Amino acid sequence: MSTSAQSGAGKAGPPRRPRATSAEKAEAAEASIAEAGLAEVRFLTVAEVATVMRVSKMTVYRMVHNGDLPAVRVGRSFRVPEKAVHDYLRSAYIEAG
């Protein structure tokens, strides 16, 4: 049997989720980047975002994959615009009581 037939034959995993963020969030991120100019945008690594938000890196990856946090893929890593992190925190803030 050929190696291509052995490697993936008969494997039907779960359906893949789309990697793109929602259209509205992508448009908002593009608009904020266009306003500031690409040279002015500061990008954060997933680890830096996790530190700022005080969550795990896995939580940040989930937010990126779910479209909750816009990100740019650079090679195999993600970079998140700093403004997007602050906008997310501002919109997620609730007052207790």
PDB file of N, CA and C in Angstrom:
ATOM      1  N   MET A   1       0.851  -1.181   0.000  1.00  0.00           N
ATOM      2  CA  MET A   1       0.000   0.000   0.000  1.00  0.00           C
ATOM      3  C   MET A   1       0.889   1.233   0.000  1.00  0.00           C
ATOM      4  N   SER A   2       0.491   2.271  -0.690  1.00  0.00           N
ATOM      5  CA  SER A   2       1.310   3.484  -0.759  1.00  0.00           C
ATOM      6  C   SER A   2       1.229   4.264   0.545  1.00  0.00           C
ATOM      7  N   THR A   3       2.238   5.094   0.787  1.00  0.00           N
ATOM      8  CA  THR A   3       2.274   5.860   2.027  1.00  0.00           C
ATOM      9  C   THR A   3       1.152   6.879   2.101  1.00  0.00           C
ATOM     10  N   SER A   4       0.709   7.418   0.965  1.00  0.00           N
ATOM     11  CA  SER A   4      -0.385   8.392   1.006  1.00  0.00           C
ATOM     12  C   SER A   4      -1.691   7.722   1.413  1.00  0.00           C
ATOM     13  N   ALA A   5      -1.882   6.472   1.015  1.00  0.00           N
ATOM     14  CA  ALA A   5      -3.094   5.762   1.391  1.00  0.00           C
ATOM     15  C   ALA A   5      -3.065   5.383   2.864  1.00  0.00           C
ATOM     16  N   GLN A   6      -1.878   5.126   3.396  1.00  0.00           N
ATOM     17  CA  GLN A   6      -1.763   4.744   4.798  1.00  0.00           C
ATOM     18  C   GLN A   6      -1.910   5.936   5.722  1.00  0.00           C
ATOM     19  N   SER A   7      -1.416   7.101   5.324  1.00  0.00           N
ATOM     20  CA  SER A   7      -1.325   8.230   6.236  1.00  0.00           C
ATOM     21  C   SER A   7      -2.668   8.797   6.668  1.00  0.00           C
ATOM     22  N   GLY A   8      -3.648   8.918   5.783  1.00  0.00           N
ATOM     23  CA  GLY A   8      -4.872   9.575   6.189  1.00  0.00           C
ATOM     24  C   GLY A   8      -6.130   8.859   5.779  1.00  0.00           C
ATOM     25  N   ALA A   9      -6.006   7.631   5.313  1.00  0.00           N
ATOM     26  CA  ALA A   9      -7.170   6.910   4.837  1.00  0.00           C
ATOM     27  C   ALA A   9      -8.090   6.562   5.998  1.00  0.00           C
ATOM     28  N   GLY A  10      -9.373   6.886   5.833  1.00  0.00           N
ATOM     29  CA  GLY A  10     -10.354   6.474   6.814  1.00  0.00           C
ATOM     30  C   GLY A  10     -10.417   7.350   8.050  1.00  0.00           C
ATOM     31  N   LYS A  11      -9.643   8.405   8.117  1.00  0.00           N
ATOM     32  CA  LYS A  11      -9.677   9.267   9.301  1.00  0.00           C
ATOM     33  C   LYS A  11     -10.595  10.441   9.018  1.00  0.00           C
ATOM     34  N   ALA A  12     -11.703  10.472   9.712  1.00  0.00           N
ATOM     35  CA  ALA A  12     -12.641  11.581   9.554  1.00  0.00           C
ATOM     36  C   ALA A  12     -12.781  12.254  10.913  1.00  0.00           C
ATOM     37  N   GLY A  13     -11.959  13.249  11.153  1.00  0.00           N
ATOM     38  CA  GLY A  13     -11.994  13.956  12.422  1.00  0.00           C
ATOM     39  C   GLY A  13     -13.141  14.950  12.457  1.00  0.00           C
ATOM     40  N   PRO A  14     -13.192  15.728  13.530  1.00  0.00           N
ATOM     41  CA  PRO A  14     -14.252  16.731  13.628  1.00  0.00           C
ATOM     42  C   PRO A  14     -14.074  17.786  12.546  1.00  0.00           C
ATOM     43  N   PRO A  15     -15.150  18.428  12.141  1.00  0.00           N
ATOM     44  CA  PRO A  15     -15.031  19.453  11.103  1.00  0.00           C
ATOM     45  C   PRO A  15     -14.157  20.602  11.591  1.00  0.00           C
ATOM     46  N   ARG A  16     -13.375  21.168  10.676  1.00  0.00           N
ATOM     47  CA  ARG A  16     -12.493  22.271  11.041  1.00  0.00           C
ATOM     48  C   ARG A  16     -13.297  23.544  11.228  1.00  0.00           C
ATOM     49  N   ARG A  17     -12.903  24.324  12.240  1.00  0.00           N
ATOM     50  CA  ARG A  17     -13.530  25.615  12.453  1.00  0.00           C
ATOM     51  C   ARG A  17     -12.791  26.645  11.617  1.00  0.00           C
ATOM     52  N   PRO A  18     -13.491  27.608  11.081  1.00  0.00           N
ATOM     53  CA  PRO A  18     -12.812  28.639  10.291  1.00  0.00           C
ATOM     54  C   PRO A  18     -11.865  29.451  11.167  1.00  0.00           C
ATOM     55  N   ARG A  19     -10.711  29.807  10.603  1.00  0.00           N
ATOM     56  CA  ARG A  19      -9.715  30.543  11.364  1.00  0.00           C
ATOM     57  C   ARG A  19      -9.989  32.038  11.384  1.00  0.00           C
ATOM     58  N   ALA A  20     -10.727  32.530  10.435  1.00  0.00           N
ATOM     59  CA  ALA A  20     -10.950  33.970  10.328  1.00  0.00           C
ATOM     60  C   ALA A  20     -11.849  34.457  11.457  1.00  0.00           C
ATOM     61  N   THR A  21     -11.586  35.692  11.893  1.00  0.00           N
ATOM     62  CA  THR A  21     -12.444  36.303  12.895  1.00  0.00           C
ATOM     63  C   THR A  21     -13.733  36.731  12.236  1.00  0.00           C
ATOM     64  N   SER A  22     -14.715  37.166  13.020  1.00  0.00           N
ATOM     65  CA  SER A  22     -15.962  37.630  12.432  1.00  0.00           C
ATOM     66  C   SER A  22     -15.696  38.859  11.575  1.00  0.00           C
ATOM     67  N   ALA A  23     -16.519  39.063  10.591  1.00  0.00           N
ATOM     68  CA  ALA A  23     -16.314  40.153   9.635  1.00  0.00           C
ATOM     69  C   ALA A  23     -16.321  41.516  10.317  1.00  0.00           C
ATOM     70  N   GLU A  24     -17.208  41.710  11.266  1.00  0.00           N
ATOM     71  CA  GLU A  24     -17.272  43.011  11.950  1.00  0.00           C
ATOM     72  C   GLU A  24     -15.997  43.301  12.720  1.00  0.00           C
ATOM     73  N   LYS A  25     -15.500  42.323  13.448  1.00  0.00           N
ATOM     74  CA  LYS A  25     -14.282  42.530  14.234  1.00  0.00           C
ATOM     75  C   LYS A  25     -13.074  42.737  13.331  1.00  0.00           C
ATOM     76  N   ALA A  26     -13.038  42.013  12.230  1.00  0.00           N
ATOM     77  CA  ALA A  26     -11.927  42.178  11.292  1.00  0.00           C
ATOM     78  C   ALA A  26     -11.949  43.570  10.675  1.00  0.00           C
ATOM     79  N   GLU A  27     -13.152  44.032  10.302  1.00  0.00           N
ATOM     80  CA  GLU A  27     -13.271  45.372   9.729  1.00  0.00           C
ATOM     81  C   GLU A  27     -12.875  46.439  10.746  1.00  0.00           C
ATOM     82  N   ALA A  28     -13.299  46.279  11.988  1.00  0.00           N
ATOM     83  CA  ALA A  28     -12.958  47.251  13.034  1.00  0.00           C
ATOM     84  C   ALA A  28     -11.455  47.281  13.270  1.00  0.00           C
ATOM     85  N   ALA A  29     -10.830  46.111  13.275  1.00  0.00           N
ATOM     86  CA  ALA A  29      -9.376  46.044  13.475  1.00  0.00           C
ATOM     87  C   ALA A  29      -8.659  46.700  12.306  1.00  0.00           C
ATOM     88  N   GLU A  30      -9.112  46.425  11.086  1.00  0.00           N
ATOM     89  CA  GLU A  30      -8.496  47.036   9.906  1.00  0.00           C
ATOM     90  C   GLU A  30      -8.666  48.549   9.933  1.00  0.00           C
ATOM     91  N   ALA A  31      -9.828  49.014  10.352  1.00  0.00           N
ATOM     92  CA  ALA A  31     -10.082  50.455  10.409  1.00  0.00           C
ATOM     93  C   ALA A  31      -9.169  51.122  11.425  1.00  0.00           C
ATOM     94  N   SER A  32      -8.997  50.490  12.590  1.00  0.00           N
ATOM     95  CA  SER A  32      -8.143  51.106  13.611  1.00  0.00           C
ATOM     96  C   SER A  32      -6.683  51.096  13.171  1.00  0.00           C
ATOM     97  N   ILE A  33      -6.273  50.045  12.459  1.00  0.00           N
ATOM     98  CA  ILE A  33      -4.902  49.986  11.943  1.00  0.00           C
ATOM     99  C   ILE A  33      -4.715  51.042  10.859  1.00  0.00           C
ATOM    100  N   ALA A  34      -5.714  51.199   9.985  1.00  0.00           N
ATOM    101  CA  ALA A  34      -5.619  52.190   8.921  1.00  0.00           C
ATOM    102  C   ALA A  34      -5.572  53.605   9.487  1.00  0.00           C
ATOM    103  N   GLU A  35      -6.353  53.853  10.548  1.00  0.00           N
ATOM    104  CA  GLU A  35      -6.361  55.177  11.171  1.00  0.00           C
ATOM    105  C   GLU A  35      -5.000  55.510  11.765  1.00  0.00           C
ATOM    106  N   ALA A  36      -4.426  54.569  12.474  1.00  0.00           N
ATOM    107  CA  ALA A  36      -3.162  54.819  13.165  1.00  0.00           C
ATOM    108  C   ALA A  36      -1.981  54.721  12.214  1.00  0.00           C
ATOM    109  N   GLY A  37      -2.147  54.070  11.097  1.00  0.00           N
ATOM    110  CA  GLY A  37      -1.026  53.832  10.204  1.00  0.00           C
ATOM    111  C   GLY A  37      -0.288  52.600  10.697  1.00  0.00           C
ATOM    112  N   LEU A  38       0.090  51.745   9.787  1.00  0.00           N
ATOM    113  CA  LEU A  38       0.695  50.469  10.160  1.00  0.00           C
ATOM    114  C   LEU A  38       1.968  50.640  10.972  1.00  0.00           C
ATOM    115  N   ALA A  39       2.722  51.706  10.710  1.00  0.00           N
ATOM    116  CA  ALA A  39       3.964  51.932  11.453  1.00  0.00           C
ATOM    117  C   ALA A  39       3.697  52.286  12.912  1.00  0.00           C
ATOM    118  N   GLU A  40       2.506  52.790  13.191  1.00  0.00           N
ATOM    119  CA  GLU A  40       2.167  53.222  14.544  1.00  0.00           C
ATOM    120  C   GLU A  40       1.586  52.099  15.397  1.00  0.00           C
ATOM    121  N   VAL A  41       1.139  51.012  14.773  1.00  0.00           N
ATOM    122  CA  VAL A  41       0.487  49.934  15.508  1.00  0.00           C
ATOM    123  C   VAL A  41       1.521  49.137  16.282  1.00  0.00           C
ATOM    124  N   ARG A  42       1.224  48.874  17.545  1.00  0.00           N
ATOM    125  CA  ARG A  42       2.101  48.044  18.373  1.00  0.00           C
ATOM    126  C   ARG A  42       1.441  46.680  18.525  1.00  0.00           C
ATOM    127  N   PHE A  43       2.155  45.653  18.122  1.00  0.00           N
ATOM    128  CA  PHE A  43       1.633  44.291  18.210  1.00  0.00           C
ATOM    129  C   PHE A  43       2.203  43.594  19.436  1.00  0.00           C
ATOM    130  N   LEU A  44       1.379  42.791  20.072  1.00  0.00           N
ATOM    131  CA  LEU A  44       1.781  42.024  21.249  1.00  0.00           C
ATOM    132  C   LEU A  44       1.783  40.537  20.917  1.00  0.00           C
ATOM    133  N   THR A  45       2.683  39.807  21.549  1.00  0.00           N
ATOM    134  CA  THR A  45       2.682  38.352  21.414  1.00  0.00           C
ATOM    135  C   THR A  45       1.557  37.784  22.267  1.00  0.00           C
ATOM    136  N   VAL A  46       1.251  36.521  22.061  1.00  0.00           N
ATOM    137  CA  VAL A  46       0.221  35.859  22.858  1.00  0.00           C
ATOM    138  C   VAL A  46       0.614  35.879  24.335  1.00  0.00           C
ATOM    139  N   ALA A  47       1.880  35.663  24.637  1.00  0.00           N
ATOM    140  CA  ALA A  47       2.347  35.685  26.023  1.00  0.00           C
ATOM    141  C   ALA A  47       2.160  37.067  26.643  1.00  0.00           C
ATOM    142  N   GLU A  48       2.444  38.124  25.878  1.00  0.00           N
ATOM    143  CA  GLU A  48       2.270  39.487  26.390  1.00  0.00           C
ATOM    144  C   GLU A  48       0.794  39.795  26.632  1.00  0.00           C
ATOM    145  N   VAL A  49      -0.073  39.353  25.727  1.00  0.00           N
ATOM    146  CA  VAL A  49      -1.511  39.558  25.904  1.00  0.00           C
ATOM    147  C   VAL A  49      -1.977  38.831  27.162  1.00  0.00           C
ATOM    148  N   ALA A  50      -1.506  37.600  27.342  1.00  0.00           N
ATOM    149  CA  ALA A  50      -1.887  36.822  28.527  1.00  0.00           C
ATOM    150  C   ALA A  50      -1.460  37.536  29.808  1.00  0.00           C
ATOM    151  N   THR A  51      -0.293  38.150  29.795  1.00  0.00           N
ATOM    152  CA  THR A  51       0.190  38.875  30.969  1.00  0.00           C
ATOM    153  C   THR A  51      -0.682  40.100  31.242  1.00  0.00           C
ATOM    154  N   VAL A  52      -0.982  40.856  30.191  1.00  0.00           N
ATOM    155  CA  VAL A  52      -1.806  42.060  30.354  1.00  0.00           C
ATOM    156  C   VAL A  52      -3.194  41.697  30.882  1.00  0.00           C
ATOM    157  N   MET A  53      -3.771  40.631  30.337  1.00  0.00           N
ATOM    158  CA  MET A  53      -5.131  40.242  30.714  1.00  0.00           C
ATOM    159  C   MET A  53      -5.169  39.361  31.958  1.00  0.00           C
ATOM    160  N   ARG A  54      -4.003  38.915  32.392  1.00  0.00           N
ATOM    161  CA  ARG A  54      -3.880  38.017  33.554  1.00  0.00           C
ATOM    162  C   ARG A  54      -4.672  36.723  33.354  1.00  0.00           C
ATOM    163  N   VAL A  55      -4.475  36.119  32.171  1.00  0.00           N
ATOM    164  CA  VAL A  55      -5.066  34.828  31.830  1.00  0.00           C
ATOM    165  C   VAL A  55      -3.962  33.942  31.263  1.00  0.00           C
ATOM    166  N   SER A  56      -4.291  32.705  30.966  1.00  0.00           N
ATOM    167  CA  SER A  56      -3.292  31.809  30.386  1.00  0.00           C
ATOM    168  C   SER A  56      -3.152  32.065  28.885  1.00  0.00           C
ATOM    169  N   LYS A  57      -2.039  31.596  28.324  1.00  0.00           N
ATOM    170  CA  LYS A  57      -1.831  31.710  26.886  1.00  0.00           C
ATOM    171  C   LYS A  57      -2.909  30.941  26.132  1.00  0.00           C
ATOM    172  N   MET A  58      -3.329  29.807  26.665  1.00  0.00           N
ATOM    173  CA  MET A  58      -4.365  29.005  26.012  1.00  0.00           C
ATOM    174  C   MET A  58      -5.667  29.795  25.912  1.00  0.00           C
ATOM    175  N   THR A  59      -5.994  30.577  26.924  1.00  0.00           N
ATOM    176  CA  THR A  59      -7.194  31.411  26.879  1.00  0.00           C
ATOM    177  C   THR A  59      -7.087  32.426  25.751  1.00  0.00           C
ATOM    178  N   VAL A  60      -5.918  33.022  25.572  1.00  0.00           N
ATOM    179  CA  VAL A  60      -5.713  33.986  24.487  1.00  0.00           C
ATOM    180  C   VAL A  60      -5.864  33.287  23.136  1.00  0.00           C
ATOM    181  N   TYR A  61      -5.268  32.101  22.985  1.00  0.00           N
ATOM    182  CA  TYR A  61      -5.412  31.356  21.727  1.00  0.00           C
ATOM    183  C   TYR A  61      -6.891  31.070  21.441  1.00  0.00           C
ATOM    184  N   ARG A  62      -7.644  30.689  22.465  1.00  0.00           N
ATOM    185  CA  ARG A  62      -9.069  30.421  22.275  1.00  0.00           C
ATOM    186  C   ARG A  62      -9.801  31.677  21.817  1.00  0.00           C
ATOM    187  N   MET A  63      -9.467  32.813  22.425  1.00  0.00           N
ATOM    188  CA  MET A  63     -10.114  34.076  22.061  1.00  0.00           C
ATOM    189  C   MET A  63      -9.807  34.431  20.605  1.00  0.00           C
ATOM    190  N   VAL A  64      -8.581  34.200  20.175  1.00  0.00           N
ATOM    191  CA  VAL A  64      -8.197  34.481  18.789  1.00  0.00           C
ATOM    192  C   VAL A  64      -8.937  33.547  17.843  1.00  0.00           C
ATOM    193  N   HIS A  65      -8.949  32.263  18.141  1.00  0.00           N
ATOM    194  CA  HIS A  65      -9.598  31.290  17.254  1.00  0.00           C
ATOM    195  C   HIS A  65     -11.114  31.461  17.217  1.00  0.00           C
ATOM    196  N   ASN A  66     -11.716  31.912  18.332  1.00  0.00           N
ATOM    197  CA  ASN A  66     -13.166  32.138  18.373  1.00  0.00           C
ATOM    198  C   ASN A  66     -13.562  33.456  17.729  1.00  0.00           C
ATOM    199  N   GLY A  67     -12.592  34.307  17.426  1.00  0.00           N
ATOM    200  CA  GLY A  67     -12.896  35.591  16.820  1.00  0.00           C
ATOM    201  C   GLY A  67     -13.181  36.691  17.826  1.00  0.00           C
ATOM    202  N   ASP A  68     -12.977  36.413  19.115  1.00  0.00           N
ATOM    203  CA  ASP A  68     -13.206  37.429  20.140  1.00  0.00           C
ATOM    204  C   ASP A  68     -12.109  38.480  20.161  1.00  0.00           C
ATOM    205  N   LEU A  69     -10.944  38.116  19.690  1.00  0.00           N
ATOM    206  CA  LEU A  69      -9.790  39.014  19.705  1.00  0.00           C
ATOM    207  C   LEU A  69      -9.133  38.954  18.332  1.00  0.00           C
ATOM    208  N   PRO A  70      -9.087  40.075  17.597  1.00  0.00           N
ATOM    209  CA  PRO A  70      -8.473  40.047  16.269  1.00  0.00           C
ATOM    210  C   PRO A  70      -6.965  39.846  16.375  1.00  0.00           C
ATOM    211  N   ALA A  71      -6.394  39.141  15.427  1.00  0.00           N
ATOM    212  CA  ALA A  71      -4.959  38.876  15.437  1.00  0.00           C
ATOM    213  C   ALA A  71      -4.450  38.731  14.013  1.00  0.00           C
ATOM    214  N   VAL A  72      -3.144  38.891  13.882  1.00  0.00           N
ATOM    215  CA  VAL A  72      -2.464  38.727  12.605  1.00  0.00           C
ATOM    216  C   VAL A  72      -1.575  37.507  12.749  1.00  0.00           C
ATOM    217  N   ARG A  73      -1.610  36.657  11.762  1.00  0.00           N
ATOM    218  CA  ARG A  73      -0.749  35.483  11.806  1.00  0.00           C
ATOM    219  C   ARG A  73       0.578  35.828  11.144  1.00  0.00           C
ATOM    220  N   VAL A  74       1.660  35.607  11.861  1.00  0.00           N
ATOM    221  CA  VAL A  74       3.008  35.843  11.343  1.00  0.00           C
ATOM    222  C   VAL A  74       3.741  34.513  11.430  1.00  0.00           C
ATOM    223  N   GLY A  75       3.892  33.870  10.280  1.00  0.00           N
ATOM    224  CA  GLY A  75       4.477  32.527  10.298  1.00  0.00           C
ATOM    225  C   GLY A  75       3.547  31.589  11.042  1.00  0.00           C
ATOM    226  N   ARG A  76       4.053  30.990  12.102  1.00  0.00           N
ATOM    227  CA  ARG A  76       3.241  30.078  12.908  1.00  0.00           C
ATOM    228  C   ARG A  76       2.736  30.722  14.192  1.00  0.00           C
ATOM    229  N   SER A  77       3.024  32.012  14.379  1.00  0.00           N
ATOM    230  CA  SER A  77       2.597  32.697  15.601  1.00  0.00           C
ATOM    231  C   SER A  77       1.534  33.739  15.308  1.00  0.00           C
ATOM    232  N   PHE A  78       0.926  34.213  16.372  1.00  0.00           N
ATOM    233  CA  PHE A  78      -0.070  35.264  16.267  1.00  0.00           C
ATOM    234  C   PHE A  78       0.461  36.528  16.913  1.00  0.00           C
ATOM    235  N   ARG A  79       0.055  37.674  16.361  1.00  0.00           N
ATOM    236  CA  ARG A  79       0.331  38.971  16.963  1.00  0.00           C
ATOM    237  C   ARG A  79      -0.995  39.701  17.068  1.00  0.00           C
ATOM    238  N   VAL A  80      -1.207  40.301  18.227  1.00  0.00           N
ATOM    239  CA  VAL A  80      -2.466  40.976  18.503  1.00  0.00           C
ATOM    240  C   VAL A  80      -2.200  42.468  18.639  1.00  0.00           C
ATOM    241  N   PRO A  81      -2.952  43.310  17.928  1.00  0.00           N
ATOM    242  CA  PRO A  81      -2.764  44.751  18.097  1.00  0.00           C
ATOM    243  C   PRO A  81      -3.073  45.156  19.543  1.00  0.00           C
ATOM    244  N   GLU A  82      -2.201  45.950  20.121  1.00  0.00           N
ATOM    245  CA  GLU A  82      -2.369  46.364  21.524  1.00  0.00           C
ATOM    246  C   GLU A  82      -3.716  47.057  21.724  1.00  0.00           C
ATOM    247  N   LYS A  83      -4.119  47.872  20.760  1.00  0.00           N
ATOM    248  CA  LYS A  83      -5.394  48.586  20.866  1.00  0.00           C
ATOM    249  C   LYS A  83      -6.550  47.599  20.949  1.00  0.00           C
ATOM    250  N   ALA A  84      -6.473  46.478  20.233  1.00  0.00           N
ATOM    251  CA  ALA A  84      -7.539  45.473  20.265  1.00  0.00           C
ATOM    252  C   ALA A  84      -7.682  44.875  21.656  1.00  0.00           C
ATOM    253  N   VAL A  85      -6.559  44.679  22.345  1.00  0.00           N
ATOM    254  CA  VAL A  85      -6.600  44.145  23.715  1.00  0.00           C
ATOM    255  C   VAL A  85      -7.299  45.140  24.629  1.00  0.00           C
ATOM    256  N   HIS A  86      -6.905  46.420  24.526  1.00  0.00           N
ATOM    257  CA  HIS A  86      -7.508  47.447  25.383  1.00  0.00           C
ATOM    258  C   HIS A  86      -8.994  47.636  25.056  1.00  0.00           C
ATOM    259  N   ASP A  87      -9.344  47.580  23.768  1.00  0.00           N
ATOM    260  CA  ASP A  87     -10.751  47.694  23.377  1.00  0.00           C
ATOM    261  C   ASP A  87     -11.562  46.532  23.931  1.00  0.00           C
ATOM    262  N   TYR A  88     -11.005  45.327  23.861  1.00  0.00           N
ATOM    263  CA  TYR A  88     -11.700  44.149  24.383  1.00  0.00           C
ATOM    264  C   TYR A  88     -11.930  44.291  25.889  1.00  0.00           C
ATOM    265  N   LEU A  89     -10.900  44.684  26.615  1.00  0.00           N
ATOM    266  CA  LEU A  89     -11.030  44.829  28.069  1.00  0.00           C
ATOM    267  C   LEU A  89     -12.042  45.923  28.415  1.00  0.00           C
ATOM    268  N   ARG A  90     -12.021  47.017  27.664  1.00  0.00           N
ATOM    269  CA  ARG A  90     -12.955  48.117  27.915  1.00  0.00           C
ATOM    270  C   ARG A  90     -14.390  47.655  27.688  1.00  0.00           C
ATOM    271  N   SER A  91     -14.623  46.887  26.620  1.00  0.00           N
ATOM    272  CA  SER A  91     -15.987  46.440  26.316  1.00  0.00           C
ATOM    273  C   SER A  91     -16.447  45.312  27.242  1.00  0.00           C
ATOM    274  N   ALA A  92     -15.518  44.558  27.791  1.00  0.00           N
ATOM    275  CA  ALA A  92     -15.869  43.431  28.651  1.00  0.00           C
ATOM    276  C   ALA A  92     -16.039  43.849  30.107  1.00  0.00           C
ATOM    277  N   TYR A  93     -15.667  45.067  30.427  1.00  0.00           N
ATOM    278  CA  TYR A  93     -15.719  45.553  31.811  1.00  0.00           C
ATOM    279  C   TYR A  93     -17.174  45.740  32.235  1.00  0.00           C
ATOM    280  N   ILE A  94     -17.512  45.216  33.409  1.00  0.00           N
ATOM    281  CA  ILE A  94     -18.849  45.420  33.977  1.00  0.00           C
ATOM    282  C   ILE A  94     -18.698  45.907  35.401  1.00  0.00           C
ATOM    283  N   GLU A  95     -19.659  46.678  35.842  1.00  0.00           N
ATOM    284  CA  GLU A  95     -19.646  47.139  37.228  1.00  0.00           C
ATOM    285  C   GLU A  95     -20.512  46.196  38.065  1.00  0.00           C
ATOM    286  N   ALA A  96     -19.935  45.765  39.174  1.00  0.00           N
ATOM    287  CA  ALA A  96     -20.680  44.879  40.079  1.00  0.00           C
ATOM    288  C   ALA A  96     -21.472  45.741  41.070  1.00  0.00           C
ATOM    289  N   GLY A  97     -22.648  45.276  41.376  1.00  0.00           N
ATOM    290  CA  GLY A  97     -23.429  45.959  42.409  1.00  0.00           C
ATOM    291  C   GLY A  97     -24.350  46.897  41.885  1.00  0.00           C
TER     292      GLY A  97
END
